Amino acid sequence: MPYVDCYWLQSFTDSAGQTSPIQRCPPFGTVELIIHLDDNHCDVLFDDVWQKLPRVFLAGLYRDAVVWRSPGDTRKFGIRLKPEALHSLFKVPASALYNDYTSIDNIGFHQAVSFAESLIGLPTLDQVITKTESHLKEQLLRTRRESNYFIEAANLMRTAKGDISVEEVSNRLSVSQRQLQRVFKDQVGTTPKTFGRIIRFSNAYKEMQNLEKAGGWAGLSYLLGYADQAHFIREFKEFSGLIPHVMLNDEDQIFGKAI
C-alpha cells in the first residue's frame, strides 16, 4: 500500500472490427504500468493522432486527460503507482515521462518485462493480481525502503487531499520551498503546486459520486478547499477537459467512473 494506489482492469467485448466508445481518463496524480492481456491493443489519441499502444507500457504523471479507444475483445490491466514508488521500486524517476508514455522495452526494466509477459493470457483477474503482488514483494526485497522529504511531501499532499500550500508543506517538513521545487521537478516532472492541484482534482473526481451528500457543486467546492464554485469548475475543466456535470453524467466514456 505505500507504493500501489490500486489495480484496475478494463475490458471491452465486441466483434472483430468494432471499437469501444472513446474513453477519457482524467489525471489521478499517479504513474501506471499498463499491460494488454490479450493480442488486441488499444489506441491512444496523442498529439491529435491515434497511435497503437505498446503491449506493455509505462505512463508517467499526467496533468491532462488521456483519450483512448479499445478494439473488440480487449483486456487491459493497470498497476497504478504512487509517483515516488517508481524510483523506490525500479530506480527510475517519474519525471522522465511527465505527461507522456513509453514502451517498457525503452527503459531497461528487464525484470518488469518478463513479469509483464507472465501475465499475458492469464484468464482471471485474481490470477493476475496474485502474480503481480508476488512480483512487487520480490522487487521490494531487492531494494531498500527510502525515506526522504520528497516522499514525505507527496504523502502529506495526498493526506490533505491537495488542500495544502507549498509553504505549509515546506514548514512542516523543515525544508525550503526551493528544495521542494527542485526535488518535485527532478522526481515527477512538475512543481509541487501543480502536483497538489492534480491531487485535489483527483479527489474532486472521486467525491462527485457523493454530490448530493456534499450539498451540490457549491458544497463540494467548499469541502475540497476551492475558493468558490467557479474556481472549482475552472480547475476541473483544466484537468479533465470537461465541466463537472458533463463528466458526472457520461457513464460510458469516463474511465474509472466506479472508483
C-alpha atoms as a PDB file:
ATOM      1  CA  MET A   1       0.000   0.000   0.000  1.00  0.00           C
ATOM      2  CA  PRO A   2       2.822   2.539   0.474  1.00  0.00           C
ATOM      3  CA  TYR A   3       3.600   2.035  -3.220  1.00  0.00           C
ATOM      4  CA  VAL A   4       0.431   0.959  -5.081  1.00  0.00           C
ATOM      5  CA  ASP A   5      -2.660   3.166  -5.291  1.00  0.00           C
ATOM      6  CA  CYS A   6      -4.790   0.422  -6.883  1.00  0.00           C
ATOM      7  CA  TYR A   7      -5.026  -2.251  -9.563  1.00  0.00           C
ATOM      8  CA  TRP A   8      -7.589  -1.979 -12.338  1.00  0.00           C
ATOM      9  CA  LEU A   9      -8.863  -3.977 -15.289  1.00  0.00           C
ATOM     10  CA  GLN A  10     -10.656  -2.557 -18.302  1.00  0.00           C
ATOM     11  CA  SER A  11     -12.288  -4.948 -20.723  1.00  0.00           C
ATOM     12  CA  PHE A  12     -14.253  -4.399 -23.919  1.00  0.00           C
ATOM     13  CA  THR A  13     -16.036  -7.274 -25.631  1.00  0.00           C
ATOM     14  CA  ASP A  14     -17.404  -6.929 -29.135  1.00  0.00           C
ATOM     15  CA  SER A  15     -16.996  -8.463 -32.552  1.00  0.00           C
ATOM     16  CA  ALA A  16     -13.857  -8.050 -34.619  1.00  0.00           C
ATOM     17  CA  GLY A  17     -13.617  -4.659 -36.291  1.00  0.00           C
ATOM     18  CA  GLN A  18     -15.720  -2.923 -33.637  1.00  0.00           C
ATOM     19  CA  THR A  19     -14.305  -0.336 -31.235  1.00  0.00           C
ATOM     20  CA  SER A  20     -15.412   0.891 -27.834  1.00  0.00           C
ATOM     21  CA  PRO A  21     -16.830   4.342 -27.180  1.00  0.00           C
ATOM     22  CA  ILE A  22     -13.969   6.812 -26.816  1.00  0.00           C
ATOM     23  CA  GLN A  23     -12.669   6.615 -23.248  1.00  0.00           C
ATOM     24  CA  ARG A  24     -11.476   9.639 -21.279  1.00  0.00           C
ATOM     25  CA  CYS A  25      -9.153   9.067 -18.307  1.00  0.00           C
ATOM     26  CA  PRO A  26      -8.536  12.115 -16.100  1.00  0.00           C
ATOM     27  CA  PRO A  27      -5.245  12.559 -14.208  1.00  0.00           C
ATOM     28  CA  PHE A  28      -5.004  10.842 -10.814  1.00  0.00           C
ATOM     29  CA  GLY A  29      -1.587  12.044  -9.614  1.00  0.00           C
ATOM     30  CA  THR A  30      -0.060   8.606 -10.240  1.00  0.00           C
ATOM     31  CA  VAL A  31       2.111   6.707 -12.708  1.00  0.00           C
ATOM     32  CA  GLU A  32       0.918   3.487 -14.316  1.00  0.00           C
ATOM     33  CA  LEU A  33       2.362   0.252 -15.625  1.00  0.00           C
ATOM     34  CA  ILE A  34      -0.234  -0.967 -18.132  1.00  0.00           C
ATOM     35  CA  ILE A  35      -0.331  -4.395 -19.783  1.00  0.00           C
ATOM     36  CA  HIS A  36      -2.528  -5.667 -22.606  1.00  0.00           C
ATOM     37  CA  LEU A  37      -3.519  -9.159 -21.501  1.00  0.00           C
ATOM     38  CA  ASP A  38      -4.602 -10.259 -24.980  1.00  0.00           C
ATOM     39  CA  ASP A  39      -3.394  -9.783 -28.547  1.00  0.00           C
ATOM     40  CA  ASN A  40      -5.545  -6.724 -29.289  1.00  0.00           C
ATOM     41  CA  HIS A  41      -4.025  -3.374 -28.341  1.00  0.00           C
ATOM     42  CA  CYS A  42      -5.803  -0.094 -27.638  1.00  0.00           C
ATOM     43  CA  ASP A  43      -5.266   3.202 -29.474  1.00  0.00           C
ATOM     44  CA  VAL A  44      -4.456   6.469 -27.718  1.00  0.00           C
ATOM     45  CA  LEU A  45      -5.037   9.986 -29.067  1.00  0.00           C
ATOM     46  CA  PHE A  46      -1.635  11.657 -28.752  1.00  0.00           C
ATOM     47  CA  ASP A  47      -0.820  14.987 -30.417  1.00  0.00           C
ATOM     48  CA  ASP A  48      -4.154  14.717 -32.292  1.00  0.00           C
ATOM     49  CA  VAL A  49      -3.144  11.407 -33.900  1.00  0.00           C
ATOM     50  CA  TRP A  50      -4.443   7.928 -32.993  1.00  0.00           C
ATOM     51  CA  GLN A  51      -1.485   5.719 -32.034  1.00  0.00           C
ATOM     52  CA  LYS A  52      -1.426   1.993 -31.272  1.00  0.00           C
ATOM     53  CA  LEU A  53      -0.312   1.451 -27.679  1.00  0.00           C
ATOM     54  CA  PRO A  54       2.547  -0.965 -26.920  1.00  0.00           C
ATOM     55  CA  ARG A  55       1.723  -4.330 -25.385  1.00  0.00           C
ATOM     56  CA  VAL A  56       3.323  -3.197 -22.113  1.00  0.00           C
ATOM     57  CA  PHE A  57       3.932   0.468 -21.380  1.00  0.00           C
ATOM     58  CA  LEU A  58       4.618   2.927 -18.615  1.00  0.00           C
ATOM     59  CA  ALA A  59       2.584   6.135 -18.344  1.00  0.00           C
ATOM     60  CA  GLY A  60       4.061   8.977 -16.330  1.00  0.00           C
ATOM     61  CA  LEU A  61       2.294  11.555 -14.202  1.00  0.00           C
ATOM     62  CA  TYR A  62      -0.328  13.265 -16.371  1.00  0.00           C
ATOM     63  CA  ARG A  63      -1.848  16.698 -15.887  1.00  0.00           C
ATOM     64  CA  ASP A  64      -4.178  16.293 -18.884  1.00  0.00           C
ATOM     65  CA  ALA A  65      -6.941  13.810 -19.623  1.00  0.00           C
ATOM     66  CA  VAL A  66      -5.924  10.862 -21.809  1.00  0.00           C
ATOM     67  CA  VAL A  67      -8.274   9.738 -24.585  1.00  0.00           C
ATOM     68  CA  TRP A  68      -8.247   6.186 -25.953  1.00  0.00           C
ATOM     69  CA  ARG A  69     -10.390   3.555 -27.630  1.00  0.00           C
ATOM     70  CA  SER A  70     -10.415  -0.253 -27.461  1.00  0.00           C
ATOM     71  CA  PRO A  71     -10.900  -2.769 -30.308  1.00  0.00           C
ATOM     72  CA  GLY A  72     -13.151  -5.793 -29.882  1.00  0.00           C
ATOM     73  CA  ASP A  73     -12.116  -8.290 -27.186  1.00  0.00           C
ATOM     74  CA  THR A  74      -9.522  -6.249 -25.299  1.00  0.00           C
ATOM     75  CA  ARG A  75      -8.371  -6.557 -21.687  1.00  0.00           C
ATOM     76  CA  LYS A  76      -6.013  -4.012 -20.223  1.00  0.00           C
ATOM     77  CA  PHE A  77      -4.544  -4.359 -16.706  1.00  0.00           C
ATOM     78  CA  GLY A  78      -3.084  -1.407 -14.832  1.00  0.00           C
ATOM     79  CA  ILE A  79      -0.848  -1.074 -11.793  1.00  0.00           C
ATOM     80  CA  ARG A  80      -1.424   2.440 -10.524  1.00  0.00           C
ATOM     81  CA  LEU A  81       1.680   3.503  -8.604  1.00  0.00           C
ATOM     82  CA  LYS A  82       2.284   6.491  -6.406  1.00  0.00           C
ATOM     83  CA  PRO A  83       4.861   8.509  -8.370  1.00  0.00           C
ATOM     84  CA  GLU A  84       7.610   8.210  -5.760  1.00  0.00           C
ATOM     85  CA  ALA A  85       7.203   4.407  -5.867  1.00  0.00           C
ATOM     86  CA  LEU A  86       8.611   4.248  -9.381  1.00  0.00           C
ATOM     87  CA  HIS A  87      12.015   5.295  -8.084  1.00  0.00           C
ATOM     88  CA  SER A  88      11.704   3.213  -4.910  1.00  0.00           C
ATOM     89  CA  LEU A  89      10.860   0.034  -6.841  1.00  0.00           C
ATOM     90  CA  PHE A  90      12.732   0.461 -10.117  1.00  0.00           C
ATOM     91  CA  LYS A  91      15.202   3.342  -9.570  1.00  0.00           C
ATOM     92  CA  VAL A  92      13.638   5.391 -12.379  1.00  0.00           C
ATOM     93  CA  PRO A  93      12.272   8.905 -11.711  1.00  0.00           C
ATOM     94  CA  ALA A  94       8.757   9.592 -12.959  1.00  0.00           C
ATOM     95  CA  SER A  95       9.952  12.941 -14.348  1.00  0.00           C
ATOM     96  CA  ALA A  96      11.278  11.211 -17.478  1.00  0.00           C
ATOM     97  CA  LEU A  97       7.667  10.524 -18.521  1.00  0.00           C
ATOM     98  CA  TYR A  98       5.773  13.617 -17.375  1.00  0.00           C
ATOM     99  CA  ASN A  99       2.590  13.852 -19.478  1.00  0.00           C
ATOM    100  CA  ASP A 100       3.918  11.051 -21.691  1.00  0.00           C
ATOM    101  CA  TYR A 101       4.203   7.264 -22.046  1.00  0.00           C
ATOM    102  CA  THR A 102       6.681   4.755 -23.456  1.00  0.00           C
ATOM    103  CA  SER A 103       7.019   1.065 -24.143  1.00  0.00           C
ATOM    104  CA  ILE A 104       8.586  -0.728 -21.208  1.00  0.00           C
ATOM    105  CA  ASP A 105      11.234  -2.021 -23.630  1.00  0.00           C
ATOM    106  CA  ASN A 106      12.647   1.506 -23.902  1.00  0.00           C
ATOM    107  CA  ILE A 107      13.576   1.977 -20.252  1.00  0.00           C
ATOM    108  CA  GLY A 108      15.506  -1.123 -19.255  1.00  0.00           C
ATOM    109  CA  PHE A 109      13.002  -2.704 -16.833  1.00  0.00           C
ATOM    110  CA  HIS A 110      14.288  -6.176 -17.689  1.00  0.00           C
ATOM    111  CA  GLN A 111      12.650  -7.884 -14.709  1.00  0.00           C
ATOM    112  CA  ALA A 112       9.428  -5.947 -15.292  1.00  0.00           C
ATOM    113  CA  VAL A 113       9.348  -7.073 -18.930  1.00  0.00           C
ATOM    114  CA  SER A 114       9.477 -10.765 -18.016  1.00  0.00           C
ATOM    115  CA  PHE A 115       6.925 -10.187 -15.245  1.00  0.00           C
ATOM    116  CA  ALA A 116       4.524  -8.436 -17.620  1.00  0.00           C
ATOM    117  CA  GLU A 117       4.857 -11.204 -20.184  1.00  0.00           C
ATOM    118  CA  SER A 118       3.950 -13.761 -17.496  1.00  0.00           C
ATOM    119  CA  LEU A 119       0.570 -12.032 -17.034  1.00  0.00           C
ATOM    120  CA  ILE A 120      -0.428 -12.167 -20.686  1.00  0.00           C
ATOM    121  CA  GLY A 121      -3.101 -14.762 -21.289  1.00  0.00           C
ATOM    122  CA  LEU A 122      -3.991 -15.381 -17.626  1.00  0.00           C
ATOM    123  CA  PRO A 123      -7.762 -15.970 -17.647  1.00  0.00           C
ATOM    124  CA  THR A 124      -8.862 -14.328 -14.369  1.00  0.00           C
ATOM    125  CA  LEU A 125      -8.180 -11.045 -12.601  1.00  0.00           C
ATOM    126  CA  ASP A 126      -7.450 -12.872  -9.333  1.00  0.00           C
ATOM    127  CA  GLN A 127      -4.594 -14.740 -11.008  1.00  0.00           C
ATOM    128  CA  VAL A 128      -3.223 -11.516 -12.480  1.00  0.00           C
ATOM    129  CA  ILE A 129      -3.276  -9.724  -9.118  1.00  0.00           C
ATOM    130  CA  THR A 130      -1.776 -12.689  -7.224  1.00  0.00           C
ATOM    131  CA  LYS A 131       1.189 -12.814  -9.620  1.00  0.00           C
ATOM    132  CA  THR A 132       1.526  -9.007  -9.511  1.00  0.00           C
ATOM    133  CA  GLU A 133       1.610  -8.902  -5.718  1.00  0.00           C
ATOM    134  CA  SER A 134       4.216 -11.652  -5.649  1.00  0.00           C
ATOM    135  CA  HIS A 135       6.441  -9.809  -8.140  1.00  0.00           C
ATOM    136  CA  LEU A 136       6.216  -6.472  -6.319  1.00  0.00           C
ATOM    137  CA  LYS A 137       7.050  -8.092  -2.991  1.00  0.00           C
ATOM    138  CA  GLU A 138      10.119  -9.709  -4.559  1.00  0.00           C
ATOM    139  CA  GLN A 139      11.091  -6.346  -6.019  1.00  0.00           C
ATOM    140  CA  LEU A 140      10.822  -4.703  -2.601  1.00  0.00           C
ATOM    141  CA  LEU A 141      13.170  -7.298  -1.118  1.00  0.00           C
ATOM    142  CA  ARG A 142      15.793  -6.179  -3.666  1.00  0.00           C
ATOM    143  CA  THR A 143      15.518  -2.503  -2.737  1.00  0.00           C
ATOM    144  CA  ARG A 144      15.986  -0.590   0.448  1.00  0.00           C
ATOM    145  CA  ARG A 145      12.915   1.359   1.530  1.00  0.00           C
ATOM    146  CA  GLU A 146      13.646   5.042   1.278  1.00  0.00           C
ATOM    147  CA  SER A 147      12.535   7.918   3.443  1.00  0.00           C
ATOM    148  CA  ASN A 148      13.179  11.449   2.259  1.00  0.00           C
ATOM    149  CA  TYR A 149      11.414  14.764   2.146  1.00  0.00           C
ATOM    150  CA  PHE A 150      10.048  14.191  -1.367  1.00  0.00           C
ATOM    151  CA  ILE A 151       8.235  11.038  -0.243  1.00  0.00           C
ATOM    152  CA  GLU A 152       7.077  12.777   2.928  1.00  0.00           C
ATOM    153  CA  ALA A 153       5.848  15.798   0.940  1.00  0.00           C
ATOM    154  CA  ALA A 154       3.918  13.642  -1.547  1.00  0.00           C
ATOM    155  CA  ASN A 155       2.289  11.694   1.301  1.00  0.00           C
ATOM    156  CA  LEU A 156       1.430  14.920   3.096  1.00  0.00           C
ATOM    157  CA  MET A 157      -0.272  16.317  -0.014  1.00  0.00           C
ATOM    158  CA  ARG A 158      -2.284  13.132  -0.506  1.00  0.00           C
ATOM    159  CA  THR A 159      -3.345  13.085   3.152  1.00  0.00           C
ATOM    160  CA  ALA A 160      -4.501  16.707   2.807  1.00  0.00           C
ATOM    161  CA  LYS A 161      -6.282  15.784  -0.469  1.00  0.00           C
ATOM    162  CA  GLY A 162      -4.292  18.519  -2.184  1.00  0.00           C
ATOM    163  CA  ASP A 163      -5.719  21.241   0.051  1.00  0.00           C
ATOM    164  CA  ILE A 164      -2.372  22.381   1.436  1.00  0.00           C
ATOM    165  CA  SER A 165       0.002  25.112   0.297  1.00  0.00           C
ATOM    166  CA  VAL A 166       3.611  24.573  -0.721  1.00  0.00           C
ATOM    167  CA  GLU A 167       4.566  26.971   2.073  1.00  0.00           C
ATOM    168  CA  GLU A 168       2.835  24.806   4.677  1.00  0.00           C
ATOM    169  CA  VAL A 169       4.460  21.643   3.306  1.00  0.00           C
ATOM    170  CA  SER A 170       7.823  23.406   3.447  1.00  0.00           C
ATOM    171  CA  ASN A 171       7.292  24.491   7.053  1.00  0.00           C
ATOM    172  CA  ARG A 172       6.051  21.136   8.255  1.00  0.00           C
ATOM    173  CA  LEU A 173       8.998  19.275   6.726  1.00  0.00           C
ATOM    174  CA  SER A 174      11.581  21.936   7.590  1.00  0.00           C
ATOM    175  CA  VAL A 175      12.857  22.210   4.022  1.00  0.00           C
ATOM    176  CA  SER A 176      12.926  25.287   1.814  1.00  0.00           C
ATOM    177  CA  GLN A 177      10.353  25.863  -0.908  1.00  0.00           C
ATOM    178  CA  ARG A 178      13.235  25.984  -3.386  1.00  0.00           C
ATOM    179  CA  GLN A 179      14.282  22.475  -2.321  1.00  0.00           C
ATOM    180  CA  LEU A 180      10.725  21.247  -2.806  1.00  0.00           C
ATOM    181  CA  GLN A 181      10.543  22.841  -6.249  1.00  0.00           C
ATOM    182  CA  ARG A 182      13.777  21.170  -7.300  1.00  0.00           C
ATOM    183  CA  VAL A 183      13.002  17.683  -5.987  1.00  0.00           C
ATOM    184  CA  PHE A 184       9.488  17.621  -7.491  1.00  0.00           C
ATOM    185  CA  LYS A 185      10.824  18.696 -10.894  1.00  0.00           C
ATOM    186  CA  ASP A 186      13.523  16.013 -10.628  1.00  0.00           C
ATOM    187  CA  GLN A 187      11.215  13.227  -9.456  1.00  0.00           C
ATOM    188  CA  VAL A 188       7.819  13.804 -11.107  1.00  0.00           C
ATOM    189  CA  GLY A 189       8.492  16.449 -13.763  1.00  0.00           C
ATOM    190  CA  THR A 190       6.374  19.267 -12.411  1.00  0.00           C
ATOM    191  CA  THR A 191       6.130  21.670  -9.474  1.00  0.00           C
ATOM    192  CA  PRO A 192       4.760  20.754  -6.041  1.00  0.00           C
ATOM    193  CA  LYS A 193       1.964  23.278  -6.607  1.00  0.00           C
ATOM    194  CA  THR A 194       0.819  21.533  -9.799  1.00  0.00           C
ATOM    195  CA  PHE A 195       1.138  18.121  -8.151  1.00  0.00           C
ATOM    196  CA  GLY A 196      -1.074  19.340  -5.293  1.00  0.00           C
ATOM    197  CA  ARG A 197      -3.641  20.693  -7.753  1.00  0.00           C
ATOM    198  CA  ILE A 198      -3.761  17.326  -9.539  1.00  0.00           C
ATOM    199  CA  ILE A 199      -4.251  15.541  -6.205  1.00  0.00           C
ATOM    200  CA  ARG A 200      -7.098  17.899  -5.299  1.00  0.00           C
ATOM    201  CA  PHE A 201      -8.715  17.380  -8.712  1.00  0.00           C
ATOM    202  CA  SER A 202      -8.410  13.598  -8.318  1.00  0.00           C
ATOM    203  CA  ASN A 203     -10.275  13.800  -5.016  1.00  0.00           C
ATOM    204  CA  ALA A 204     -12.897  16.053  -6.591  1.00  0.00           C
ATOM    205  CA  TYR A 205     -13.402  13.465  -9.320  1.00  0.00           C
ATOM    206  CA  LYS A 206     -13.985  10.735  -6.719  1.00  0.00           C
ATOM    207  CA  GLU A 207     -16.203  12.888  -4.483  1.00  0.00           C
ATOM    208  CA  MET A 208     -18.542  13.688  -7.384  1.00  0.00           C
ATOM    209  CA  GLN A 209     -20.254  10.393  -6.615  1.00  0.00           C
ATOM    210  CA  ASN A 210     -21.338  11.933  -3.274  1.00  0.00           C
ATOM    211  CA  LEU A 211     -22.549  15.198  -4.785  1.00  0.00           C
ATOM    212  CA  GLU A 212     -25.940  15.299  -3.062  1.00  0.00           C
ATOM    213  CA  LYS A 213     -24.438  14.471   0.329  1.00  0.00           C
ATOM    214  CA  ALA A 214     -21.841  17.242  -0.127  1.00  0.00           C
ATOM    215  CA  GLY A 215     -24.552  19.827  -0.765  1.00  0.00           C
ATOM    216  CA  GLY A 216     -24.296  20.163  -4.539  1.00  0.00           C
ATOM    217  CA  TRP A 217     -21.463  21.709  -6.515  1.00  0.00           C
ATOM    218  CA  ALA A 218     -21.097  24.678  -4.162  1.00  0.00           C
ATOM    219  CA  GLY A 219     -20.876  22.385  -1.135  1.00  0.00           C
ATOM    220  CA  LEU A 220     -18.387  20.109  -2.875  1.00  0.00           C
ATOM    221  CA  SER A 221     -16.248  23.124  -3.841  1.00  0.00           C
ATOM    222  CA  TYR A 222     -16.118  24.216  -0.198  1.00  0.00           C
ATOM    223  CA  LEU A 223     -15.412  20.680   1.040  1.00  0.00           C
ATOM    224  CA  LEU A 224     -12.385  20.372  -1.246  1.00  0.00           C
ATOM    225  CA  GLY A 225     -10.928  23.766  -0.387  1.00  0.00           C
ATOM    226  CA  TYR A 226     -11.640  25.645  -3.615  1.00  0.00           C
ATOM    227  CA  ALA A 227     -12.197  29.388  -3.313  1.00  0.00           C
ATOM    228  CA  ASP A 228     -15.686  29.114  -4.818  1.00  0.00           C
ATOM    229  CA  GLN A 229     -17.740  27.073  -7.271  1.00  0.00           C
ATOM    230  CA  ALA A 230     -16.396  28.983 -10.283  1.00  0.00           C
ATOM    231  CA  HIS A 231     -12.807  28.179  -9.222  1.00  0.00           C
ATOM    232  CA  PHE A 232     -13.733  24.526  -8.817  1.00  0.00           C
ATOM    233  CA  ILE A 233     -15.286  24.350 -12.301  1.00  0.00           C
ATOM    234  CA  ARG A 234     -12.273  26.063 -13.926  1.00  0.00           C
ATOM    235  CA  GLU A 235      -9.832  23.651 -12.257  1.00  0.00           C
ATOM    236  CA  PHE A 236     -11.989  20.656 -13.120  1.00  0.00           C
ATOM    237  CA  LYS A 237     -12.197  21.613 -16.786  1.00  0.00           C
ATOM    238  CA  GLU A 238      -8.455  22.309 -16.951  1.00  0.00           C
ATOM    239  CA  PHE A 239      -7.547  18.800 -15.785  1.00  0.00           C
ATOM    240  CA  SER A 240     -10.359  16.768 -17.344  1.00  0.00           C
ATOM    241  CA  GLY A 241     -11.292  18.744 -20.456  1.00  0.00           C
ATOM    242  CA  LEU A 242     -14.951  18.650 -19.352  1.00  0.00           C
ATOM    243  CA  ILE A 243     -17.135  20.601 -16.968  1.00  0.00           C
ATOM    244  CA  PRO A 244     -18.135  18.591 -13.866  1.00  0.00           C
ATOM    245  CA  HIS A 245     -21.784  17.834 -14.623  1.00  0.00           C
ATOM    246  CA  VAL A 246     -20.929  16.517 -18.113  1.00  0.00           C
ATOM    247  CA  MET A 247     -18.359  14.123 -16.664  1.00  0.00           C
ATOM    248  CA  LEU A 248     -20.729  13.056 -13.883  1.00  0.00           C
ATOM    249  CA  ASN A 249     -23.465  12.090 -16.353  1.00  0.00           C
ATOM    250  CA  ASP A 250     -21.285  10.444 -19.015  1.00  0.00           C
ATOM    251  CA  GLU A 251     -21.460   6.846 -17.822  1.00  0.00           C
ATOM    252  CA  ASP A 252     -19.976   5.167 -20.902  1.00  0.00           C
ATOM    253  CA  GLN A 253     -16.959   7.251 -21.754  1.00  0.00           C
ATOM    254  CA  ILE A 254     -15.296   8.091 -18.445  1.00  0.00           C
ATOM    255  CA  PHE A 255     -12.664   5.549 -17.490  1.00  0.00           C
ATOM    256  CA  GLY A 256     -12.554   4.698 -13.776  1.00  0.00           C
ATOM    257  CA  LYS A 257     -16.011   6.116 -13.112  1.00  0.00           C
ATOM    258  CA  ALA A 258     -16.685   3.495 -10.454  1.00  0.00           C
ATOM    259  CA  ILE A 259     -13.509   4.239  -8.487  1.00  0.00           C
END
